């Protein structure tokens, strides 16, 4: 039985989560695997310090537990974040509202702000194939490199790439079955993931 072979998408448009985004669509309500991206309003930074990122991850973990979401992968930047989530039917809009509201309140209290922290509408795109999942996971892992936050994907501590590569424990619980399926069954899927993102 041969190893699963996947035709991975290259960098550029195919790997971008916004490649097929045309205007704003209603937040999906059906069950599935989704790429979620939340941005700061008016270019506000969502994370001004590491304590902010730690607080956001705590809220993300609590939201996943409450709404039974499977967190596949994530990365926290400065003015936005990305997450890949396995979502049950009807859960995503409520989960997203809770996550953004609770984090924004705590963030604004810490910094004495009152304006909206997040843009009104987050990006949500359904992941429909293993190839798309692999390309999107690479996009997340390499995002800090693209914007100059890290020299290499596995150096950025505020994402799940190191955990996927088997180089450390995740900061919050992950559900990696979908990712493992995208990179092929067997113990060496983490090696293939690591080779693909670097």
N, C-alpha and C. Protein backbone atom coordinates (compact mmCIF):
# COMPACT_ATOMS: atom_id res chain seq x y z
N UNK A 1 0.85 -1.19 0.00
CA UNK A 1 0.00 0.00 0.00
C UNK A 1 0.88 1.24 0.00
N UNK A 2 0.79 2.05 -1.04
CA UNK A 2 1.66 3.21 -1.19
C UNK A 2 1.24 4.37 -0.33
N UNK A 3 2.15 5.29 -0.18
CA UNK A 3 1.89 6.48 0.61
C UNK A 3 0.95 7.42 -0.16
N UNK A 4 0.07 8.07 0.56
CA UNK A 4 -0.85 9.02 -0.05
C UNK A 4 -0.08 10.16 -0.69
N UNK A 5 -0.37 10.45 -1.94
CA UNK A 5 0.30 11.54 -2.65
C UNK A 5 -0.68 12.67 -2.86
N UNK A 6 -0.29 13.86 -2.46
CA UNK A 6 -1.16 15.03 -2.58
C UNK A 6 -0.50 16.05 -3.47
N UNK A 7 -1.26 16.60 -4.40
CA UNK A 7 -0.74 17.68 -5.24
C UNK A 7 -0.99 18.99 -4.52
N UNK A 8 0.04 19.49 -3.84
CA UNK A 8 -0.11 20.70 -3.04
C UNK A 8 -0.11 21.93 -3.94
N UNK A 9 -0.89 22.92 -3.53
CA UNK A 9 -0.95 24.17 -4.28
C UNK A 9 0.28 25.01 -3.98
N UNK A 10 0.79 25.77 -4.95
CA UNK A 10 1.95 26.63 -4.73
C UNK A 10 1.57 27.87 -3.96
N UNK A 11 2.59 28.66 -3.59
CA UNK A 11 2.34 29.96 -2.98
C UNK A 11 1.59 30.85 -3.95
N UNK A 12 1.04 31.93 -3.42
CA UNK A 12 0.34 32.88 -4.28
C UNK A 12 -1.15 32.75 -4.11
N UNK A 13 -1.89 32.99 -5.17
CA UNK A 13 -3.35 33.04 -5.10
C UNK A 13 -3.94 31.74 -4.61
N UNK A 14 -3.40 30.61 -5.08
CA UNK A 14 -3.97 29.32 -4.68
C UNK A 14 -3.85 29.10 -3.19
N UNK A 15 -2.79 29.64 -2.57
CA UNK A 15 -2.61 29.44 -1.15
C UNK A 15 -3.26 30.50 -0.29
N UNK A 16 -3.81 31.52 -0.91
CA UNK A 16 -4.39 32.62 -0.15
C UNK A 16 -5.80 32.29 0.29
N UNK A 17 -6.14 32.59 1.53
CA UNK A 17 -7.50 32.32 1.99
C UNK A 17 -8.52 33.24 1.35
N UNK A 18 -8.07 34.31 0.71
CA UNK A 18 -8.99 35.29 0.15
C UNK A 18 -9.12 35.16 -1.35
N UNK A 19 -8.58 34.07 -1.92
CA UNK A 19 -8.55 33.93 -3.37
C UNK A 19 -9.94 33.93 -3.98
N UNK A 20 -10.93 33.37 -3.26
CA UNK A 20 -12.26 33.26 -3.82
C UNK A 20 -13.27 34.14 -3.09
N UNK A 21 -12.76 35.11 -2.34
CA UNK A 21 -13.64 35.98 -1.57
C UNK A 21 -14.10 37.15 -2.43
N UNK A 22 -15.39 37.24 -2.67
CA UNK A 22 -15.95 38.33 -3.45
C UNK A 22 -17.06 38.96 -2.61
N UNK A 23 -16.76 40.10 -1.99
CA UNK A 23 -17.75 40.73 -1.14
C UNK A 23 -17.97 39.94 0.14
N UNK A 24 -18.96 40.34 0.90
CA UNK A 24 -19.25 39.67 2.17
C UNK A 24 -20.37 38.67 1.99
N UNK A 25 -20.13 37.47 2.48
CA UNK A 25 -21.16 36.44 2.45
C UNK A 25 -21.67 36.21 3.86
N UNK A 26 -22.89 35.70 4.00
CA UNK A 26 -23.39 35.39 5.35
C UNK A 26 -22.50 34.36 6.01
N UNK A 27 -22.37 34.46 7.33
CA UNK A 27 -21.58 33.47 8.04
C UNK A 27 -22.22 32.10 7.86
N UNK A 28 -21.43 31.10 7.48
CA UNK A 28 -22.00 29.78 7.21
C UNK A 28 -22.55 29.14 8.47
N UNK A 29 -23.64 28.41 8.31
CA UNK A 29 -24.28 27.75 9.43
C UNK A 29 -24.17 26.23 9.35
N UNK A 30 -23.80 25.70 8.19
CA UNK A 30 -23.71 24.25 8.07
C UNK A 30 -22.43 23.73 8.69
N UNK A 31 -22.47 22.46 9.09
CA UNK A 31 -21.28 21.83 9.66
C UNK A 31 -20.20 21.71 8.60
N UNK A 32 -18.94 21.74 9.03
CA UNK A 32 -17.85 21.59 8.09
C UNK A 32 -16.54 22.08 8.65
N UNK A 33 -15.55 22.13 7.79
CA UNK A 33 -14.22 22.62 8.13
C UNK A 33 -14.06 24.01 7.54
N UNK A 34 -13.72 25.00 8.37
CA UNK A 34 -13.70 26.38 7.92
C UNK A 34 -12.38 27.07 8.27
N UNK A 35 -12.01 27.99 7.40
CA UNK A 35 -10.92 28.92 7.65
C UNK A 35 -11.55 30.23 8.12
N UNK A 36 -11.17 30.66 9.30
CA UNK A 36 -11.68 31.88 9.89
C UNK A 36 -10.54 32.88 10.02
N UNK A 37 -10.80 34.14 9.65
CA UNK A 37 -9.80 35.20 9.82
C UNK A 37 -10.48 36.44 10.37
N UNK A 38 -10.00 36.92 11.50
CA UNK A 38 -10.55 38.13 12.12
C UNK A 38 -9.52 39.24 12.12
N UNK A 39 -9.93 40.44 11.72
CA UNK A 39 -9.03 41.59 11.61
C UNK A 39 -9.45 42.72 12.54
N UNK A 40 -8.49 43.51 12.94
CA UNK A 40 -8.77 44.68 13.75
C UNK A 40 -9.50 45.75 12.94
N UNK A 41 -10.40 46.47 13.60
CA UNK A 41 -11.14 47.55 12.95
C UNK A 41 -10.22 48.75 12.72
N UNK A 42 -10.33 49.36 11.55
CA UNK A 42 -9.54 50.55 11.22
C UNK A 42 -8.05 50.34 11.49
N UNK A 43 -7.57 49.16 11.13
CA UNK A 43 -6.15 48.81 11.26
C UNK A 43 -5.67 48.77 12.71
N UNK A 44 -6.56 48.65 13.66
CA UNK A 44 -6.15 48.50 15.05
C UNK A 44 -5.43 47.18 15.24
N UNK A 45 -4.42 47.19 16.10
CA UNK A 45 -3.75 45.96 16.46
C UNK A 45 -4.62 45.18 17.45
N UNK A 46 -4.82 43.92 17.18
CA UNK A 46 -5.55 43.07 18.12
C UNK A 46 -4.66 42.67 19.29
N UNK A 47 -3.35 42.57 19.03
CA UNK A 47 -2.42 42.08 20.03
C UNK A 47 -1.25 43.06 20.14
N UNK A 48 -1.21 43.79 21.23
CA UNK A 48 -0.15 44.76 21.46
C UNK A 48 1.00 44.17 22.26
N UNK A 49 0.76 43.05 22.91
CA UNK A 49 1.78 42.39 23.73
C UNK A 49 1.46 40.91 23.81
N UNK A 50 2.43 40.13 24.26
CA UNK A 50 2.21 38.69 24.35
C UNK A 50 1.09 38.33 25.31
N UNK A 51 0.88 39.15 26.34
CA UNK A 51 -0.21 38.86 27.27
C UNK A 51 -1.55 38.92 26.55
N UNK A 52 -1.67 39.78 25.54
CA UNK A 52 -2.91 39.83 24.75
C UNK A 52 -3.10 38.53 23.98
N UNK A 53 -2.03 38.04 23.37
CA UNK A 53 -2.13 36.79 22.61
C UNK A 53 -2.49 35.62 23.54
N UNK A 54 -1.91 35.61 24.72
CA UNK A 54 -2.23 34.55 25.69
C UNK A 54 -3.70 34.61 26.09
N UNK A 55 -4.20 35.83 26.32
CA UNK A 55 -5.62 35.99 26.69
C UNK A 55 -6.53 35.54 25.55
N UNK A 56 -6.16 35.89 24.31
CA UNK A 56 -6.99 35.49 23.17
C UNK A 56 -7.03 33.97 23.04
N UNK A 57 -5.88 33.32 23.20
CA UNK A 57 -5.86 31.86 23.10
C UNK A 57 -6.71 31.22 24.19
N UNK A 58 -6.71 31.80 25.38
CA UNK A 58 -7.55 31.27 26.45
C UNK A 58 -9.02 31.39 26.07
N UNK A 59 -9.40 32.52 25.50
CA UNK A 59 -10.79 32.70 25.05
C UNK A 59 -11.12 31.77 23.89
N UNK A 60 -10.17 31.58 22.99
CA UNK A 60 -10.40 30.67 21.86
C UNK A 60 -10.60 29.24 22.35
N UNK A 61 -9.78 28.81 23.29
CA UNK A 61 -9.92 27.46 23.84
C UNK A 61 -11.25 27.29 24.54
N UNK A 62 -11.66 28.29 25.31
CA UNK A 62 -12.94 28.22 26.02
C UNK A 62 -14.11 28.20 25.05
N UNK A 63 -14.00 28.98 23.98
CA UNK A 63 -15.06 29.01 22.97
C UNK A 63 -15.16 27.68 22.24
N UNK A 64 -14.03 27.10 21.91
CA UNK A 64 -14.03 25.79 21.25
C UNK A 64 -14.68 24.73 22.13
N UNK A 65 -14.37 24.77 23.41
CA UNK A 65 -14.95 23.79 24.33
C UNK A 65 -16.46 23.99 24.47
N UNK A 66 -16.88 25.24 24.60
CA UNK A 66 -18.31 25.52 24.81
C UNK A 66 -19.15 25.14 23.60
N UNK A 67 -18.64 25.40 22.40
CA UNK A 67 -19.43 25.17 21.18
C UNK A 67 -19.01 23.90 20.43
N UNK A 68 -18.16 23.10 21.07
CA UNK A 68 -17.71 21.82 20.51
C UNK A 68 -17.07 22.00 19.13
N UNK A 69 -16.20 23.00 19.04
CA UNK A 69 -15.43 23.23 17.83
C UNK A 69 -14.11 22.47 17.91
N UNK A 70 -13.65 21.97 16.79
CA UNK A 70 -12.34 21.33 16.73
C UNK A 70 -11.33 22.31 16.15
N UNK A 71 -10.38 22.76 16.96
CA UNK A 71 -9.36 23.70 16.49
C UNK A 71 -8.26 22.90 15.80
N UNK A 72 -8.17 23.04 14.48
CA UNK A 72 -7.20 22.29 13.69
C UNK A 72 -5.86 23.01 13.67
N UNK A 73 -5.88 24.32 13.44
CA UNK A 73 -4.65 25.09 13.34
C UNK A 73 -4.97 26.56 13.59
N UNK A 74 -3.94 27.34 13.96
CA UNK A 74 -4.16 28.77 14.19
C UNK A 74 -2.84 29.51 14.09
N UNK A 75 -2.93 30.83 13.91
CA UNK A 75 -1.78 31.71 14.03
C UNK A 75 -2.29 33.09 14.44
N UNK A 76 -1.60 33.71 15.37
CA UNK A 76 -1.93 35.06 15.83
C UNK A 76 -0.87 36.02 15.30
N UNK A 77 -1.31 37.07 14.64
CA UNK A 77 -0.40 38.05 14.08
C UNK A 77 -0.41 39.30 14.98
N UNK A 78 -0.44 40.49 14.40
CA UNK A 78 -0.57 41.72 15.18
C UNK A 78 -1.96 42.32 15.04
N UNK A 79 -2.40 42.51 13.80
CA UNK A 79 -3.72 43.12 13.59
C UNK A 79 -4.75 42.12 13.10
N UNK A 80 -4.42 40.82 13.10
CA UNK A 80 -5.40 39.82 12.70
C UNK A 80 -4.96 38.44 13.20
N UNK A 81 -5.86 37.49 13.05
CA UNK A 81 -5.56 36.10 13.39
C UNK A 81 -6.23 35.19 12.36
N UNK A 82 -5.75 33.96 12.28
CA UNK A 82 -6.35 32.93 11.44
C UNK A 82 -6.59 31.69 12.29
N UNK A 83 -7.66 30.96 11.98
CA UNK A 83 -7.92 29.68 12.63
C UNK A 83 -8.60 28.75 11.64
N UNK A 84 -8.22 27.47 11.70
CA UNK A 84 -8.91 26.43 10.96
C UNK A 84 -9.73 25.64 11.96
N UNK A 85 -11.03 25.56 11.73
CA UNK A 85 -11.94 25.00 12.72
C UNK A 85 -12.87 23.96 12.10
N UNK A 86 -13.04 22.84 12.78
CA UNK A 86 -14.07 21.87 12.46
C UNK A 86 -15.31 22.26 13.27
N UNK A 87 -16.41 22.61 12.58
CA UNK A 87 -17.53 23.29 13.20
C UNK A 87 -18.82 22.47 13.06
N UNK A 88 -19.56 22.25 14.16
CA UNK A 88 -20.87 21.60 14.04
C UNK A 88 -21.91 22.56 13.48
N UNK A 89 -23.02 22.03 13.06
CA UNK A 89 -24.06 22.84 12.42
C UNK A 89 -24.56 23.96 13.35
N UNK A 90 -24.60 25.17 12.80
CA UNK A 90 -25.18 26.31 13.51
C UNK A 90 -24.31 26.95 14.55
N UNK A 91 -23.09 26.44 14.77
CA UNK A 91 -22.28 26.91 15.89
C UNK A 91 -21.41 28.12 15.57
N UNK A 92 -21.00 28.27 14.32
CA UNK A 92 -19.97 29.26 14.01
C UNK A 92 -20.38 30.71 14.31
N UNK A 93 -21.56 31.17 13.90
CA UNK A 93 -21.90 32.58 14.20
C UNK A 93 -21.90 32.88 15.70
N UNK A 94 -22.48 31.99 16.50
CA UNK A 94 -22.54 32.23 17.95
C UNK A 94 -21.15 32.14 18.58
N UNK A 95 -20.36 31.20 18.12
CA UNK A 95 -19.00 31.06 18.66
C UNK A 95 -18.16 32.28 18.34
N UNK A 96 -18.25 32.75 17.12
CA UNK A 96 -17.48 33.91 16.71
C UNK A 96 -17.89 35.16 17.49
N UNK A 97 -19.18 35.33 17.70
CA UNK A 97 -19.67 36.48 18.47
C UNK A 97 -19.14 36.43 19.90
N UNK A 98 -19.17 35.27 20.51
CA UNK A 98 -18.67 35.14 21.88
C UNK A 98 -17.19 35.43 21.96
N UNK A 99 -16.41 34.83 21.06
CA UNK A 99 -14.97 35.00 21.07
C UNK A 99 -14.58 36.46 20.92
N UNK A 100 -15.13 37.13 19.92
CA UNK A 100 -14.75 38.52 19.67
C UNK A 100 -15.24 39.46 20.76
N UNK A 101 -16.46 39.25 21.25
CA UNK A 101 -17.01 40.13 22.27
C UNK A 101 -16.21 40.04 23.57
N UNK A 102 -15.95 38.83 24.02
CA UNK A 102 -15.25 38.65 25.30
C UNK A 102 -13.81 39.16 25.22
N UNK A 103 -13.13 38.87 24.12
CA UNK A 103 -11.75 39.34 24.01
C UNK A 103 -11.70 40.86 23.88
N UNK A 104 -12.61 41.44 23.07
CA UNK A 104 -12.61 42.89 22.86
C UNK A 104 -12.86 43.64 24.17
N UNK A 105 -13.76 43.14 24.99
CA UNK A 105 -14.05 43.80 26.27
C UNK A 105 -12.81 43.82 27.17
N UNK A 106 -12.15 42.68 27.26
CA UNK A 106 -10.95 42.60 28.10
C UNK A 106 -9.82 43.47 27.54
N UNK A 107 -9.66 43.46 26.24
CA UNK A 107 -8.62 44.25 25.59
C UNK A 107 -8.86 45.75 25.80
N UNK A 108 -10.09 46.18 25.59
CA UNK A 108 -10.40 47.61 25.76
C UNK A 108 -10.26 48.05 27.21
N UNK A 109 -10.60 47.19 28.15
CA UNK A 109 -10.39 47.52 29.57
C UNK A 109 -8.91 47.69 29.87
N UNK A 110 -8.09 46.80 29.34
CA UNK A 110 -6.65 46.85 29.60
C UNK A 110 -6.02 48.13 29.08
N UNK A 111 -6.49 48.59 27.91
CA UNK A 111 -5.84 49.74 27.26
C UNK A 111 -6.68 51.01 27.29
N UNK A 112 -7.76 50.99 28.06
CA UNK A 112 -8.57 52.20 28.21
C UNK A 112 -9.22 52.66 26.93
N UNK A 113 -9.64 51.70 26.10
CA UNK A 113 -10.29 52.02 24.83
C UNK A 113 -11.78 51.69 24.90
N UNK A 114 -12.54 52.28 23.98
CA UNK A 114 -13.98 51.98 23.93
C UNK A 114 -14.48 51.69 22.52
N UNK A 115 -13.67 51.99 21.51
CA UNK A 115 -14.10 51.79 20.13
C UNK A 115 -14.12 50.30 19.78
N UNK A 116 -14.77 49.97 18.66
CA UNK A 116 -14.82 48.59 18.21
C UNK A 116 -13.41 48.08 17.94
N UNK A 117 -13.12 46.88 18.41
CA UNK A 117 -11.80 46.30 18.21
C UNK A 117 -11.72 45.52 16.90
N UNK A 118 -12.74 44.71 16.61
CA UNK A 118 -12.74 43.87 15.43
C UNK A 118 -13.56 44.51 14.30
N UNK A 119 -13.17 44.21 13.08
CA UNK A 119 -14.04 44.53 11.96
C UNK A 119 -15.37 43.81 12.14
N UNK A 120 -16.42 44.38 11.60
CA UNK A 120 -17.76 43.83 11.83
C UNK A 120 -17.90 42.42 11.28
N UNK A 121 -17.22 42.11 10.19
CA UNK A 121 -17.43 40.82 9.54
C UNK A 121 -16.09 40.11 9.33
N UNK A 122 -15.97 38.95 9.96
CA UNK A 122 -14.77 38.13 9.79
C UNK A 122 -14.86 37.36 8.47
N UNK A 123 -13.70 37.00 7.94
CA UNK A 123 -13.66 36.13 6.77
C UNK A 123 -13.95 34.70 7.21
N UNK A 124 -14.83 34.01 6.51
CA UNK A 124 -15.07 32.59 6.74
C UNK A 124 -15.12 31.90 5.38
N UNK A 125 -14.29 30.90 5.20
CA UNK A 125 -14.26 30.15 3.95
C UNK A 125 -14.22 28.67 4.24
N UNK A 126 -15.05 27.91 3.54
CA UNK A 126 -15.10 26.47 3.77
C UNK A 126 -13.91 25.79 3.09
N UNK A 127 -13.32 24.83 3.79
CA UNK A 127 -12.25 24.00 3.25
C UNK A 127 -12.90 22.75 2.66
N UNK A 128 -12.71 22.53 1.37
CA UNK A 128 -13.46 21.49 0.67
C UNK A 128 -12.61 20.32 0.18
N UNK A 129 -11.31 20.35 0.41
CA UNK A 129 -10.46 19.25 -0.04
C UNK A 129 -9.19 19.19 0.79
N UNK A 130 -8.51 18.05 0.74
CA UNK A 130 -7.23 17.92 1.43
C UNK A 130 -6.19 18.87 0.85
N UNK A 131 -6.23 19.07 -0.47
CA UNK A 131 -5.29 19.99 -1.10
C UNK A 131 -5.49 21.41 -0.58
N UNK A 132 -6.74 21.82 -0.46
CA UNK A 132 -7.04 23.16 0.04
C UNK A 132 -6.64 23.29 1.50
N UNK A 133 -6.87 22.25 2.28
CA UNK A 133 -6.48 22.28 3.69
C UNK A 133 -4.96 22.39 3.83
N UNK A 134 -4.23 21.61 3.05
CA UNK A 134 -2.77 21.66 3.12
C UNK A 134 -2.27 23.05 2.74
N UNK A 135 -2.81 23.61 1.65
CA UNK A 135 -2.37 24.93 1.20
C UNK A 135 -2.70 26.00 2.23
N UNK A 136 -3.86 25.92 2.86
CA UNK A 136 -4.26 26.92 3.84
C UNK A 136 -3.42 26.79 5.11
N UNK A 137 -3.12 25.57 5.50
CA UNK A 137 -2.26 25.38 6.69
C UNK A 137 -0.87 25.96 6.44
N UNK A 138 -0.39 25.85 5.22
CA UNK A 138 0.90 26.44 4.88
C UNK A 138 0.82 27.97 4.89
N UNK A 139 -0.28 28.49 4.39
CA UNK A 139 -0.49 29.94 4.42
C UNK A 139 -0.44 30.46 5.85
N UNK A 140 -1.11 29.76 6.77
CA UNK A 140 -1.10 30.18 8.18
C UNK A 140 0.31 30.12 8.75
N UNK A 141 1.00 29.02 8.50
CA UNK A 141 2.33 28.83 9.08
C UNK A 141 3.33 29.86 8.58
N UNK A 142 3.19 30.28 7.32
CA UNK A 142 4.15 31.20 6.72
C UNK A 142 3.76 32.67 6.86
N UNK A 143 2.58 32.93 7.38
CA UNK A 143 2.12 34.31 7.52
C UNK A 143 3.08 35.18 8.33
N UNK A 144 3.58 34.72 9.48
CA UNK A 144 4.52 35.55 10.24
C UNK A 144 5.80 35.88 9.47
N UNK A 145 6.23 34.97 8.61
CA UNK A 145 7.43 35.21 7.80
C UNK A 145 7.14 36.30 6.76
N UNK A 146 5.96 36.23 6.15
CA UNK A 146 5.61 37.20 5.11
C UNK A 146 5.62 38.64 5.62
N UNK A 147 5.21 38.82 6.86
CA UNK A 147 5.11 40.19 7.39
C UNK A 147 6.29 40.58 8.27
N UNK A 148 7.30 39.72 8.36
CA UNK A 148 8.50 40.08 9.09
C UNK A 148 8.48 39.84 10.58
N UNK A 149 7.53 39.05 11.07
CA UNK A 149 7.49 38.75 12.50
C UNK A 149 8.45 37.61 12.88
N UNK A 150 8.83 36.81 11.89
CA UNK A 150 9.73 35.69 12.14
C UNK A 150 10.54 35.42 10.88
N UNK A 151 11.69 34.79 11.06
CA UNK A 151 12.55 34.46 9.93
C UNK A 151 12.15 33.14 9.28
N UNK A 152 11.47 32.29 10.04
CA UNK A 152 11.05 30.98 9.54
C UNK A 152 9.74 30.59 10.21
N UNK A 153 8.91 29.79 9.55
CA UNK A 153 7.59 29.45 10.10
C UNK A 153 7.65 28.83 11.49
N UNK A 154 8.65 27.99 11.74
CA UNK A 154 8.71 27.27 13.01
C UNK A 154 9.33 28.09 14.14
N UNK A 155 9.71 29.34 13.85
CA UNK A 155 10.25 30.21 14.89
C UNK A 155 9.17 31.04 15.58
N UNK A 156 7.98 31.16 14.97
CA UNK A 156 6.94 32.02 15.54
C UNK A 156 6.21 31.26 16.65
N UNK A 157 6.24 31.76 17.88
CA UNK A 157 5.66 31.02 19.00
C UNK A 157 4.14 31.11 19.11
N UNK A 158 3.51 32.03 18.38
CA UNK A 158 2.08 32.27 18.55
C UNK A 158 1.25 31.68 17.41
N UNK A 159 1.61 30.47 17.06
CA UNK A 159 0.87 29.69 16.09
C UNK A 159 1.01 28.22 16.44
N UNK A 160 0.31 27.38 15.71
CA UNK A 160 0.33 25.95 16.03
C UNK A 160 1.31 25.16 15.16
N UNK A 161 2.08 25.83 14.31
CA UNK A 161 2.97 25.12 13.38
C UNK A 161 3.98 24.23 14.10
N UNK A 162 4.57 24.74 15.18
CA UNK A 162 5.56 23.94 15.91
C UNK A 162 4.93 22.66 16.47
N UNK A 163 3.71 22.78 16.96
CA UNK A 163 3.02 21.60 17.49
C UNK A 163 2.73 20.60 16.37
N UNK A 164 2.28 21.09 15.21
CA UNK A 164 2.01 20.20 14.08
C UNK A 164 3.28 19.48 13.63
N UNK A 165 4.40 20.19 13.70
CA UNK A 165 5.67 19.61 13.28
C UNK A 165 6.27 18.67 14.32
N UNK A 166 5.63 18.58 15.49
CA UNK A 166 6.12 17.70 16.54
C UNK A 166 7.27 18.28 17.34
N UNK A 167 7.40 19.62 17.33
CA UNK A 167 8.52 20.27 18.00
C UNK A 167 8.16 20.86 19.35
N UNK A 168 6.93 20.68 19.78
CA UNK A 168 6.52 21.22 21.07
C UNK A 168 5.06 20.92 21.33
N UNK A 169 4.66 21.12 22.58
CA UNK A 169 3.27 20.91 22.96
C UNK A 169 2.44 22.13 22.54
N UNK A 170 1.20 21.92 22.11
CA UNK A 170 0.35 23.06 21.76
C UNK A 170 -0.02 23.88 23.00
N UNK A 171 -0.17 25.18 22.81
CA UNK A 171 -0.56 26.04 23.92
C UNK A 171 -2.00 25.78 24.35
N UNK A 172 -2.85 25.43 23.40
CA UNK A 172 -4.25 25.08 23.69
C UNK A 172 -4.57 23.81 22.91
N UNK A 173 -5.63 23.08 23.30
CA UNK A 173 -5.92 21.80 22.64
C UNK A 173 -6.18 21.94 21.14
N UNK A 174 -5.62 21.01 20.38
CA UNK A 174 -5.80 20.96 18.94
C UNK A 174 -6.49 19.66 18.55
N UNK A 175 -7.19 19.71 17.42
CA UNK A 175 -7.82 18.52 16.82
C UNK A 175 -7.17 18.34 15.45
N UNK A 176 -6.21 17.43 15.35
CA UNK A 176 -5.36 17.38 14.17
C UNK A 176 -5.74 16.30 13.16
N UNK A 177 -6.87 15.61 13.36
CA UNK A 177 -7.23 14.50 12.47
C UNK A 177 -7.35 14.95 11.02
N UNK A 178 -7.99 16.11 10.80
CA UNK A 178 -8.14 16.60 9.42
C UNK A 178 -6.78 16.91 8.81
N UNK A 179 -5.91 17.53 9.58
CA UNK A 179 -4.59 17.88 9.07
C UNK A 179 -3.78 16.63 8.78
N UNK A 180 -3.87 15.65 9.65
CA UNK A 180 -3.17 14.38 9.43
C UNK A 180 -3.68 13.72 8.16
N UNK A 181 -4.99 13.79 7.94
CA UNK A 181 -5.56 13.22 6.72
C UNK A 181 -5.05 13.91 5.47
N UNK A 182 -4.83 15.22 5.56
CA UNK A 182 -4.35 15.98 4.40
C UNK A 182 -2.92 15.64 4.03
N UNK A 183 -2.11 15.26 5.02
CA UNK A 183 -0.69 14.99 4.76
C UNK A 183 -0.38 13.50 4.71
N UNK A 184 -1.40 12.68 4.76
CA UNK A 184 -1.20 11.25 4.64
C UNK A 184 -1.15 10.56 5.98
N UNK A 185 -1.72 9.35 6.02
CA UNK A 185 -1.76 8.61 7.27
C UNK A 185 -0.35 8.13 7.65
N UNK A 186 -0.21 7.76 8.91
CA UNK A 186 1.07 7.26 9.39
C UNK A 186 1.76 8.25 10.30
N UNK A 187 2.77 7.76 10.99
CA UNK A 187 3.45 8.57 11.99
C UNK A 187 4.26 9.72 11.39
N UNK A 188 4.64 9.57 10.12
CA UNK A 188 5.51 10.58 9.52
C UNK A 188 4.76 11.73 8.87
N UNK A 189 3.46 11.88 9.14
CA UNK A 189 2.72 13.00 8.55
C UNK A 189 3.28 14.33 9.05
N UNK A 190 3.76 14.36 10.28
CA UNK A 190 4.33 15.61 10.81
C UNK A 190 5.60 16.01 10.05
N UNK A 191 6.37 15.01 9.64
CA UNK A 191 7.57 15.30 8.84
C UNK A 191 7.17 15.91 7.50
N UNK A 192 6.14 15.34 6.86
CA UNK A 192 5.68 15.87 5.58
C UNK A 192 5.12 17.28 5.74
N UNK A 193 4.40 17.51 6.84
CA UNK A 193 3.91 18.86 7.12
C UNK A 193 5.07 19.85 7.25
N UNK A 194 6.07 19.47 8.03
CA UNK A 194 7.22 20.34 8.27
C UNK A 194 7.95 20.66 6.97
N UNK A 195 8.17 19.63 6.14
CA UNK A 195 8.86 19.84 4.86
C UNK A 195 8.05 20.76 3.95
N UNK A 196 6.73 20.66 4.00
CA UNK A 196 5.87 21.43 3.12
C UNK A 196 5.82 22.91 3.50
N UNK A 197 5.81 23.21 4.79
CA UNK A 197 5.67 24.61 5.18
C UNK A 197 6.98 25.39 5.12
N UNK A 198 8.10 24.70 5.23
CA UNK A 198 9.37 25.43 5.19
C UNK A 198 9.84 25.61 3.75
